[in-house]
Amino acid sequence: MHPGRSVRFALQMRRKGFRFVLPAGFVALAFAAAGCGGEDHKNNPRPAVPFEVSAKVGEDKVVVAPSKFGAGLAVFTISNQTDDVVQLALEGPTEAVSEPIEPAGVTDGFKVPVKEGAYEVSAGDESNSRPAELFIGPKRKSSQNELLLP
């Protein structure tokens, strides 16, 4: 018994198609390989993880914790415990002033890229609170190999 016409046609196309598909696959693989590794790209290390700093503005003084850390991006969380509107001010190698912070326990924050050196952290010119001291050390190391960072 001989296979029908349509079966013979399908078998011939399968054999012929395979002859054309295999070389086409090799050509596609060659183009893909040619696009890899042609240029050398430098990967710059990731910056250090931002450092979280708490600042409390009280009636008599400003408290900053921690008061010593390495240079880089610092994220200040500020709590105003006074009855007046205040602005946290950093004076030193990097100078920055926060937005006005409402009184009575309102919390706000701001980010500052700080450089190495000694700083004075005050509640602004119109505050009677005694300023705090802040010491910034050498630049913190990269977070390049730290996993699960945001």
N, C-alpha and C. Protein backbone atom coordinates (compact mmCIF):
# COMPACT_ATOMS: atom_id res chain seq x y z
N MET A 1 0.83 -1.17 0.00
CA MET A 1 0.00 0.00 0.00
C MET A 1 0.88 1.24 0.00
N HIS A 2 0.56 2.15 -0.88
CA HIS A 2 1.33 3.38 -1.03
C HIS A 2 0.60 4.52 -0.33
N PRO A 3 1.38 5.44 0.28
CA PRO A 3 0.71 6.58 0.92
C PRO A 3 0.03 7.44 -0.11
N GLY A 4 -0.98 8.14 0.34
CA GLY A 4 -1.76 8.99 -0.55
C GLY A 4 -0.95 10.20 -1.01
N ARG A 5 -1.48 10.89 -1.98
CA ARG A 5 -0.80 12.04 -2.55
C ARG A 5 -0.49 13.11 -1.51
N SER A 6 -1.42 13.41 -0.67
CA SER A 6 -1.21 14.47 0.33
C SER A 6 -0.16 14.06 1.35
N VAL A 7 -0.08 12.81 1.69
CA VAL A 7 0.91 12.34 2.66
C VAL A 7 2.30 12.43 2.04
N ARG A 8 2.42 12.04 0.76
CA ARG A 8 3.71 12.13 0.08
C ARG A 8 4.17 13.58 0.00
N PHE A 9 3.26 14.50 -0.30
CA PHE A 9 3.58 15.92 -0.40
C PHE A 9 4.08 16.44 0.96
N ALA A 10 3.41 16.05 2.03
CA ALA A 10 3.81 16.49 3.38
C ALA A 10 5.19 15.96 3.73
N LEU A 11 5.48 14.71 3.39
CA LEU A 11 6.80 14.14 3.68
C LEU A 11 7.89 14.87 2.90
N GLN A 12 7.63 15.17 1.62
CA GLN A 12 8.61 15.88 0.82
C GLN A 12 8.86 17.28 1.39
N MET A 13 7.82 17.99 1.79
CA MET A 13 7.98 19.33 2.33
C MET A 13 8.74 19.30 3.65
N ARG A 14 8.50 18.27 4.44
CA ARG A 14 9.20 18.16 5.72
C ARG A 14 10.69 18.00 5.47
N ARG A 15 11.05 17.11 4.53
CA ARG A 15 12.47 16.90 4.23
C ARG A 15 13.10 18.16 3.64
N LYS A 16 12.44 18.78 2.69
CA LYS A 16 12.98 19.99 2.06
C LYS A 16 13.01 21.16 3.05
N GLY A 17 11.95 21.27 3.82
CA GLY A 17 11.89 22.37 4.80
C GLY A 17 13.00 22.27 5.81
N PHE A 18 13.33 21.05 6.23
CA PHE A 18 14.38 20.86 7.21
C PHE A 18 15.72 21.30 6.64
N ARG A 19 15.93 21.06 5.33
CA ARG A 19 17.17 21.48 4.69
C ARG A 19 17.33 22.99 4.70
N PHE A 20 16.22 23.73 4.65
CA PHE A 20 16.29 25.20 4.62
C PHE A 20 16.26 25.80 6.02
N VAL A 21 15.60 25.16 6.95
CA VAL A 21 15.47 25.70 8.31
C VAL A 21 16.79 25.61 9.05
N LEU A 22 17.50 24.51 8.91
CA LEU A 22 18.75 24.32 9.64
C LEU A 22 19.78 25.39 9.25
N PRO A 23 20.05 25.64 7.95
CA PRO A 23 21.01 26.72 7.62
C PRO A 23 20.52 28.09 8.05
N ALA A 24 19.24 28.34 7.97
CA ALA A 24 18.71 29.63 8.40
C ALA A 24 18.94 29.83 9.90
N GLY A 25 18.83 28.77 10.66
CA GLY A 25 19.08 28.84 12.10
C GLY A 25 20.53 29.17 12.40
N PHE A 26 21.45 28.56 11.62
CA PHE A 26 22.86 28.87 11.80
C PHE A 26 23.18 30.32 11.45
N VAL A 27 22.55 30.84 10.42
CA VAL A 27 22.76 32.24 10.04
C VAL A 27 22.27 33.17 11.14
N ALA A 28 21.10 32.87 11.70
CA ALA A 28 20.57 33.71 12.79
C ALA A 28 21.48 33.65 14.00
N LEU A 29 22.01 32.47 14.31
CA LEU A 29 22.92 32.31 15.44
C LEU A 29 24.22 33.10 15.20
N ALA A 30 24.71 33.10 13.97
CA ALA A 30 25.92 33.86 13.66
C ALA A 30 25.71 35.36 13.84
N PHE A 31 24.54 35.89 13.41
CA PHE A 31 24.25 37.31 13.61
C PHE A 31 24.15 37.65 15.09
N ALA A 32 23.54 36.78 15.86
CA ALA A 32 23.39 37.03 17.30
C ALA A 32 24.74 37.04 17.98
N ALA A 33 25.62 36.10 17.60
CA ALA A 33 26.95 36.04 18.22
C ALA A 33 27.80 37.24 17.82
N ALA A 34 27.62 37.75 16.61
CA ALA A 34 28.40 38.90 16.16
C ALA A 34 28.05 40.15 16.94
N GLY A 35 26.83 40.25 17.46
CA GLY A 35 26.41 41.43 18.21
C GLY A 35 26.87 41.42 19.65
N CYS A 36 27.39 40.32 20.13
CA CYS A 36 27.80 40.22 21.54
C CYS A 36 29.26 40.60 21.73
N GLY A 37 29.53 41.39 22.74
CA GLY A 37 30.90 41.66 23.15
C GLY A 37 31.71 42.51 22.21
N GLY A 38 31.09 43.23 21.31
CA GLY A 38 31.84 44.07 20.38
C GLY A 38 32.48 45.26 21.04
N GLU A 39 31.83 45.80 22.09
CA GLU A 39 32.36 46.98 22.78
C GLU A 39 32.52 46.66 24.25
N ASP A 40 33.41 47.37 24.89
CA ASP A 40 33.62 47.18 26.31
C ASP A 40 32.97 48.36 27.04
N HIS A 41 31.97 48.09 27.86
CA HIS A 41 31.27 49.13 28.59
C HIS A 41 31.73 49.12 30.04
N LYS A 42 32.09 50.29 30.54
CA LYS A 42 32.50 50.40 31.94
C LYS A 42 31.25 50.48 32.82
N ASN A 43 31.20 49.66 33.83
CA ASN A 43 30.10 49.71 34.79
C ASN A 43 30.53 50.55 35.98
N ASN A 44 29.91 51.71 36.13
CA ASN A 44 30.21 52.56 37.27
C ASN A 44 29.59 51.95 38.51
N PRO A 45 30.29 51.96 39.63
CA PRO A 45 29.71 51.38 40.85
C PRO A 45 28.50 52.18 41.32
N ARG A 46 27.59 51.48 41.98
CA ARG A 46 26.41 52.14 42.54
C ARG A 46 26.84 53.06 43.67
N PRO A 47 26.10 54.14 43.91
CA PRO A 47 26.45 55.00 45.05
C PRO A 47 26.17 54.28 46.36
N ALA A 48 26.69 54.85 47.43
CA ALA A 48 26.44 54.29 48.75
C ALA A 48 24.95 54.42 49.08
N VAL A 49 24.49 53.55 49.96
CA VAL A 49 23.09 53.60 50.39
C VAL A 49 22.87 54.91 51.14
N PRO A 50 21.78 55.63 50.87
CA PRO A 50 21.52 56.88 51.61
C PRO A 50 21.50 56.61 53.12
N PHE A 51 22.08 57.54 53.88
CA PHE A 51 22.18 57.39 55.33
C PHE A 51 21.00 58.09 55.99
N GLU A 52 20.30 57.38 56.85
CA GLU A 52 19.13 57.93 57.56
C GLU A 52 19.59 58.66 58.82
N VAL A 53 19.20 59.92 58.95
CA VAL A 53 19.57 60.75 60.10
C VAL A 53 18.30 61.32 60.71
N SER A 54 18.18 61.22 62.03
CA SER A 54 17.03 61.80 62.74
C SER A 54 17.44 63.10 63.39
N ALA A 55 16.58 64.10 63.28
CA ALA A 55 16.84 65.39 63.92
C ALA A 55 15.60 65.81 64.69
N LYS A 56 15.80 66.19 65.95
CA LYS A 56 14.70 66.68 66.78
C LYS A 56 15.00 68.11 67.17
N VAL A 57 14.06 68.99 66.85
CA VAL A 57 14.20 70.39 67.24
C VAL A 57 13.35 70.59 68.48
N GLY A 58 14.03 70.80 69.61
CA GLY A 58 13.34 71.05 70.87
C GLY A 58 13.39 72.52 71.23
N GLU A 59 12.74 72.88 72.34
CA GLU A 59 12.73 74.28 72.78
C GLU A 59 14.12 74.78 73.14
N ASP A 60 14.99 73.88 73.70
CA ASP A 60 16.30 74.34 74.15
C ASP A 60 17.47 73.92 73.25
N LYS A 61 17.30 72.83 72.48
CA LYS A 61 18.41 72.40 71.63
C LYS A 61 17.95 71.55 70.46
N VAL A 62 18.85 71.40 69.49
CA VAL A 62 18.65 70.52 68.34
C VAL A 62 19.45 69.25 68.61
N VAL A 63 18.84 68.09 68.41
CA VAL A 63 19.51 66.81 68.62
C VAL A 63 19.54 66.08 67.28
N VAL A 64 20.74 65.61 66.89
CA VAL A 64 20.91 64.86 65.65
C VAL A 64 21.49 63.50 65.98
N ALA A 65 20.89 62.44 65.43
CA ALA A 65 21.40 61.09 65.67
C ALA A 65 21.36 60.29 64.38
N PRO A 66 22.44 59.65 64.03
CA PRO A 66 23.75 59.71 64.65
C PRO A 66 24.45 61.03 64.32
N SER A 67 25.44 61.36 65.11
CA SER A 67 26.13 62.63 64.89
C SER A 67 27.42 62.45 64.10
N LYS A 68 27.76 61.18 63.76
CA LYS A 68 28.95 60.89 62.96
C LYS A 68 28.59 59.82 61.93
N PHE A 69 28.93 60.07 60.67
CA PHE A 69 28.76 59.08 59.61
C PHE A 69 29.57 59.52 58.40
N GLY A 70 29.63 58.71 57.36
CA GLY A 70 30.44 58.98 56.19
C GLY A 70 29.74 59.87 55.18
N ALA A 71 30.54 60.50 54.33
CA ALA A 71 30.02 61.41 53.30
C ALA A 71 29.17 60.65 52.29
N GLY A 72 28.23 61.36 51.70
CA GLY A 72 27.31 60.78 50.72
C GLY A 72 25.94 61.37 50.93
N LEU A 73 24.93 60.72 50.39
CA LEU A 73 23.57 61.22 50.52
C LEU A 73 23.03 60.93 51.92
N ALA A 74 22.54 61.97 52.59
CA ALA A 74 21.93 61.83 53.92
C ALA A 74 20.46 62.21 53.81
N VAL A 75 19.61 61.39 54.40
CA VAL A 75 18.17 61.65 54.41
C VAL A 75 17.80 62.04 55.84
N PHE A 76 17.44 63.30 56.03
CA PHE A 76 17.10 63.81 57.36
C PHE A 76 15.61 63.69 57.59
N THR A 77 15.24 63.10 58.72
CA THR A 77 13.86 63.09 59.19
C THR A 77 13.82 64.02 60.39
N ILE A 78 13.03 65.09 60.28
CA ILE A 78 13.06 66.16 61.27
C ILE A 78 11.74 66.21 62.01
N SER A 79 11.83 66.27 63.34
CA SER A 79 10.64 66.41 64.18
C SER A 79 10.71 67.76 64.89
N ASN A 80 9.70 68.60 64.69
CA ASN A 80 9.64 69.91 65.33
C ASN A 80 8.83 69.78 66.61
N GLN A 81 9.49 69.85 67.75
CA GLN A 81 8.85 69.73 69.06
C GLN A 81 8.65 71.09 69.73
N THR A 82 8.72 72.15 68.94
CA THR A 82 8.56 73.50 69.49
C THR A 82 7.17 74.03 69.14
N ASP A 83 6.89 75.25 69.61
CA ASP A 83 5.63 75.91 69.29
C ASP A 83 5.77 76.87 68.11
N ASP A 84 6.94 76.87 67.45
CA ASP A 84 7.21 77.79 66.35
C ASP A 84 7.52 77.02 65.07
N VAL A 85 7.33 77.67 63.95
CA VAL A 85 7.75 77.11 62.67
C VAL A 85 9.27 77.20 62.60
N VAL A 86 9.94 76.11 62.23
CA VAL A 86 11.40 76.10 62.15
C VAL A 86 11.85 75.58 60.79
N GLN A 87 13.12 75.82 60.49
CA GLN A 87 13.78 75.26 59.31
C GLN A 87 15.11 74.70 59.76
N LEU A 88 15.35 73.42 59.50
CA LEU A 88 16.63 72.83 59.85
C LEU A 88 17.68 73.35 58.88
N ALA A 89 18.80 73.85 59.43
CA ALA A 89 19.85 74.44 58.60
C ALA A 89 21.17 73.72 58.86
N LEU A 90 21.84 73.28 57.80
CA LEU A 90 23.17 72.69 57.89
C LEU A 90 24.17 73.74 57.45
N GLU A 91 25.19 73.98 58.27
CA GLU A 91 26.25 74.91 57.94
C GLU A 91 27.57 74.20 58.07
N GLY A 92 28.33 74.18 56.98
CA GLY A 92 29.62 73.49 56.94
C GLY A 92 30.07 73.41 55.49
N PRO A 93 30.83 72.37 55.14
CA PRO A 93 31.27 72.23 53.75
C PRO A 93 30.10 72.20 52.75
N THR A 94 28.98 71.63 53.16
CA THR A 94 27.75 71.66 52.35
C THR A 94 26.74 72.45 53.16
N GLU A 95 26.08 73.41 52.54
CA GLU A 95 25.06 74.18 53.25
C GLU A 95 23.70 73.88 52.65
N ALA A 96 22.73 73.67 53.53
CA ALA A 96 21.37 73.36 53.07
C ALA A 96 20.37 73.78 54.15
N VAL A 97 19.16 74.12 53.70
CA VAL A 97 18.08 74.51 54.61
C VAL A 97 16.83 73.77 54.19
N SER A 98 16.13 73.20 55.17
CA SER A 98 14.89 72.48 54.87
C SER A 98 13.74 73.45 54.61
N GLU A 99 12.65 72.91 54.15
CA GLU A 99 11.42 73.70 54.02
C GLU A 99 10.92 74.03 55.44
N PRO A 100 10.09 75.05 55.62
CA PRO A 100 9.54 75.34 56.95
C PRO A 100 8.76 74.14 57.48
N ILE A 101 8.98 73.85 58.77
CA ILE A 101 8.32 72.72 59.43
C ILE A 101 7.36 73.27 60.48
N GLU A 102 6.13 72.89 60.36
CA GLU A 102 5.09 73.37 61.27
C GLU A 102 5.37 72.90 62.70
N PRO A 103 4.83 73.60 63.72
CA PRO A 103 5.10 73.26 65.12
C PRO A 103 4.28 72.07 65.62
N ALA A 104 4.56 71.73 66.88
CA ALA A 104 3.80 70.75 67.66
C ALA A 104 3.91 69.32 67.12
N GLY A 105 5.14 68.84 66.99
CA GLY A 105 5.36 67.43 66.67
C GLY A 105 5.24 67.06 65.21
N VAL A 106 5.15 68.02 64.33
CA VAL A 106 5.07 67.72 62.89
C VAL A 106 6.44 67.23 62.41
N THR A 107 6.43 66.19 61.58
CA THR A 107 7.66 65.60 61.06
C THR A 107 7.76 65.88 59.57
N ASP A 108 8.97 66.20 59.13
CA ASP A 108 9.23 66.44 57.70
C ASP A 108 10.63 65.90 57.42
N GLY A 109 11.04 65.96 56.18
CA GLY A 109 12.37 65.47 55.85
C GLY A 109 12.93 66.14 54.62
N PHE A 110 14.25 65.96 54.44
CA PHE A 110 14.89 66.42 53.22
C PHE A 110 16.18 65.65 53.01
N LYS A 111 16.64 65.62 51.75
CA LYS A 111 17.84 64.88 51.37
C LYS A 111 18.95 65.87 51.04
N VAL A 112 20.16 65.56 51.52
CA VAL A 112 21.31 66.44 51.28
C VAL A 112 22.54 65.58 50.98
N PRO A 113 23.23 65.83 49.87
CA PRO A 113 24.51 65.15 49.64
C PRO A 113 25.60 65.87 50.45
N VAL A 114 26.04 65.28 51.55
CA VAL A 114 26.99 65.95 52.44
C VAL A 114 28.42 65.55 52.11
N LYS A 115 29.33 66.51 52.29
CA LYS A 115 30.76 66.30 52.07
C LYS A 115 31.45 66.14 53.43
N GLU A 116 32.66 65.63 53.40
CA GLU A 116 33.43 65.41 54.61
C GLU A 116 33.71 66.73 55.32
N GLY A 117 33.57 66.74 56.67
CA GLY A 117 33.87 67.93 57.45
C GLY A 117 32.96 68.06 58.65
N ALA A 118 33.12 69.17 59.38
CA ALA A 118 32.33 69.45 60.58
C ALA A 118 31.17 70.37 60.20
N TYR A 119 30.01 70.11 60.78
CA TYR A 119 28.80 70.88 60.49
C TYR A 119 28.16 71.35 61.79
N GLU A 120 27.40 72.44 61.65
CA GLU A 120 26.53 72.91 62.72
C GLU A 120 25.11 72.77 62.19
N VAL A 121 24.26 72.10 62.98
CA VAL A 121 22.87 71.89 62.58
C VAL A 121 22.01 72.71 63.52
N SER A 122 21.31 73.72 62.94
CA SER A 122 20.50 74.61 63.76
C SER A 122 19.05 74.58 63.29
N ALA A 123 18.20 75.24 64.08
CA ALA A 123 16.77 75.31 63.75
C ALA A 123 16.44 76.62 63.04
N GLY A 124 17.43 77.26 62.47
CA GLY A 124 17.19 78.50 61.75
C GLY A 124 17.60 79.71 62.58
N ASP A 125 17.62 80.87 61.94
CA ASP A 125 18.08 82.10 62.59
C ASP A 125 17.16 82.58 63.70
N GLU A 126 15.88 82.31 63.59
CA GLU A 126 14.92 82.85 64.55
C GLU A 126 14.65 81.92 65.73
N SER A 127 15.33 80.80 65.80
CA SER A 127 15.11 79.83 66.87
C SER A 127 16.09 80.08 68.03
N ASN A 128 15.63 79.80 69.23
CA ASN A 128 16.48 79.90 70.42
C ASN A 128 17.13 78.56 70.76
N SER A 129 16.86 77.53 69.99
CA SER A 129 17.42 76.20 70.25
C SER A 129 18.92 76.19 69.97
N ARG A 130 19.67 75.57 70.89
CA ARG A 130 21.11 75.46 70.73
C ARG A 130 21.43 74.49 69.58
N PRO A 131 22.34 74.85 68.66
CA PRO A 131 22.64 73.97 67.52
C PRO A 131 23.36 72.68 67.93
N ALA A 132 23.24 71.67 67.10
CA ALA A 132 23.94 70.40 67.30
C ALA A 132 25.16 70.37 66.40
N GLU A 133 26.12 69.49 66.76
CA GLU A 133 27.30 69.31 65.93
C GLU A 133 27.17 68.00 65.18
N LEU A 134 27.65 68.01 63.93
CA LEU A 134 27.58 66.85 63.07
C LEU A 134 28.95 66.69 62.42
N PHE A 135 29.50 65.47 62.46
CA PHE A 135 30.82 65.22 61.89
C PHE A 135 30.67 64.20 60.76
N ILE A 136 31.09 64.60 59.56
CA ILE A 136 30.99 63.74 58.39
C ILE A 136 32.39 63.25 58.04
N GLY A 137 32.54 61.93 58.01
CA GLY A 137 33.83 61.31 57.71
C GLY A 137 34.02 61.10 56.21
N PRO A 138 34.99 60.26 55.84
CA PRO A 138 35.26 59.98 54.42
C PRO A 138 34.04 59.36 53.74
N LYS A 139 34.05 59.45 52.44
CA LYS A 139 32.93 58.94 51.63
C LYS A 139 32.68 57.46 51.94
N ARG A 140 31.40 57.10 52.05
CA ARG A 140 31.02 55.72 52.33
C ARG A 140 31.26 54.86 51.09
N LYS A 141 31.47 53.55 51.31
CA LYS A 141 31.75 52.65 50.19
C LYS A 141 30.50 52.41 49.35
N SER A 142 30.73 51.97 48.14
CA SER A 142 29.65 51.69 47.19
C SER A 142 28.74 50.58 47.70
N SER A 143 27.49 50.61 47.26
CA SER A 143 26.56 49.53 47.61
C SER A 143 26.44 48.55 46.45
N GLN A 144 27.50 48.47 45.63
CA GLN A 144 27.48 47.68 44.40
C GLN A 144 27.09 46.22 44.65
N ASN A 145 27.61 45.60 45.69
CA ASN A 145 27.35 44.18 45.91
C ASN A 145 26.34 43.92 47.01
N GLU A 146 25.57 44.92 47.38
CA GLU A 146 24.53 44.76 48.38
C GLU A 146 23.27 44.26 47.69
N LEU A 147 22.73 43.17 48.14
CA LEU A 147 21.53 42.61 47.53
C LEU A 147 20.28 43.15 48.21
N LEU A 148 19.18 43.11 47.48
CA LEU A 148 17.85 43.47 47.99
C LEU A 148 17.75 44.90 48.46
N LEU A 149 18.44 45.81 47.78
CA LEU A 149 18.30 47.23 48.08
C LEU A 149 17.21 47.82 47.21
N PRO A 150 16.51 48.82 47.72
CA PRO A 150 15.46 49.42 46.89
C PRO A 150 16.02 50.16 45.71
